[in-house]
Amino acid sequence: MAIKNFAFSPATLKVKAGTTVTWTNQDTDAHTVTSAGSGGPLHSPALATHATYSHRFTTPGSYHYLCTIHPFMTATVEVTR
């Protein structure tokens, strides 16, 4: 997953359960990968340029997330069996 131009790319990523997704910040500003709402699995620190964050999705479902620094940046990972 790319983080560039103040957006997550792609905005919707479809993966199978057991897949590890890695985000790479390509912007000069810091960004986070944080689950929308409480209790979600995504909680990255602020990612500097070229920093990465990975998470293994084991349970099917839709995982909505955002950048807490720039809340207009939103995206979804859709996990299937």
Protein backbone atom coordinates (compact mmCIF):
# COMPACT_ATOMS: atom_id res chain seq x y z
CA MET A 1 0.00 0.00 0.00
CA ALA A 2 1.32 3.42 -0.89
CA ILE A 3 0.75 6.56 1.12
CA LYS A 4 1.36 9.41 -1.28
CA ASN A 5 -0.13 12.76 -2.21
CA PHE A 6 -2.08 12.70 1.09
CA ALA A 7 -3.98 9.53 0.11
CA PHE A 8 -3.87 5.77 0.64
CA SER A 9 -3.47 3.91 -2.64
CA PRO A 10 -5.47 1.91 -3.47
CA ALA A 11 -8.42 3.34 -1.53
CA THR A 12 -9.90 -0.18 -1.30
CA LEU A 13 -7.62 -3.19 -1.09
CA LYS A 14 -9.03 -6.73 -1.31
CA VAL A 15 -6.96 -9.52 0.26
CA LYS A 16 -7.46 -13.06 1.53
CA ALA A 17 -7.36 -13.84 5.25
CA GLY A 18 -3.77 -14.46 6.37
CA THR A 19 -2.35 -11.72 4.13
CA THR A 20 0.12 -9.23 5.56
CA VAL A 21 -0.36 -5.72 4.22
CA THR A 22 2.50 -3.21 4.37
CA TRP A 23 2.00 0.53 4.04
CA THR A 24 4.90 2.74 2.90
CA ASN A 25 4.82 6.50 3.41
CA GLN A 26 6.01 8.21 0.23
CA ASP A 27 5.04 11.72 1.38
CA THR A 28 7.32 14.20 3.13
CA ASP A 29 4.66 14.67 5.85
CA ALA A 30 4.14 12.03 8.55
CA HIS A 31 1.01 9.84 8.40
CA THR A 32 -0.59 7.12 10.51
CA VAL A 33 -2.53 3.96 9.68
CA THR A 34 -5.25 3.86 12.35
CA SER A 35 -8.50 1.90 12.51
CA ALA A 36 -11.62 4.05 12.25
CA GLY A 37 -13.68 3.70 15.41
CA SER A 38 -12.51 2.03 18.59
CA GLY A 39 -11.16 -1.47 18.94
CA GLY A 40 -9.75 -1.92 15.44
CA PRO A 41 -6.44 -3.68 14.84
CA LEU A 42 -4.55 -0.87 13.08
CA HIS A 43 -2.48 1.42 15.30
CA SER A 44 0.67 2.63 13.58
CA PRO A 45 2.95 5.27 15.00
CA ALA A 46 3.48 8.41 12.93
CA LEU A 47 5.32 7.22 9.84
CA ALA A 48 8.12 9.43 8.54
CA THR A 49 9.05 9.47 4.85
CA HIS A 50 9.85 5.93 3.61
CA ALA A 51 8.77 4.37 6.92
CA THR A 52 6.59 1.27 6.79
CA TYR A 53 3.85 -0.33 8.87
CA SER A 54 2.61 -3.91 8.45
CA HIS A 55 -0.42 -5.81 9.73
CA ARG A 56 -1.53 -9.41 9.13
CA PHE A 57 -5.27 -9.67 8.53
CA THR A 58 -6.53 -13.02 9.87
CA THR A 59 -10.29 -12.39 10.18
CA PRO A 60 -12.56 -11.70 7.18
CA GLY A 61 -14.35 -8.36 7.18
CA SER A 62 -14.06 -4.72 6.13
CA TYR A 63 -11.39 -2.72 7.95
CA HIS A 64 -11.85 1.02 7.60
CA TYR A 65 -8.89 3.18 8.54
CA LEU A 66 -7.59 6.72 8.42
CA CYS A 67 -4.62 8.96 9.14
CA THR A 68 -5.14 10.55 12.55
CA ILE A 69 -2.95 13.50 11.52
CA HIS A 70 -4.97 14.08 8.33
CA PRO A 71 -8.46 12.59 8.99
CA PHE A 72 -9.63 13.24 5.42
CA MET A 73 -7.29 10.41 4.37
CA THR A 74 -9.43 7.26 4.56
CA ALA A 75 -9.34 3.80 3.01
CA THR A 76 -10.54 0.22 3.47
CA VAL A 77 -9.03 -3.24 3.50
CA GLU A 78 -11.58 -5.91 2.57
CA VAL A 79 -10.56 -9.36 3.83
CA THR A 80 -12.16 -12.53 2.43
CA ARG A 81 -11.67 -16.22 3.24
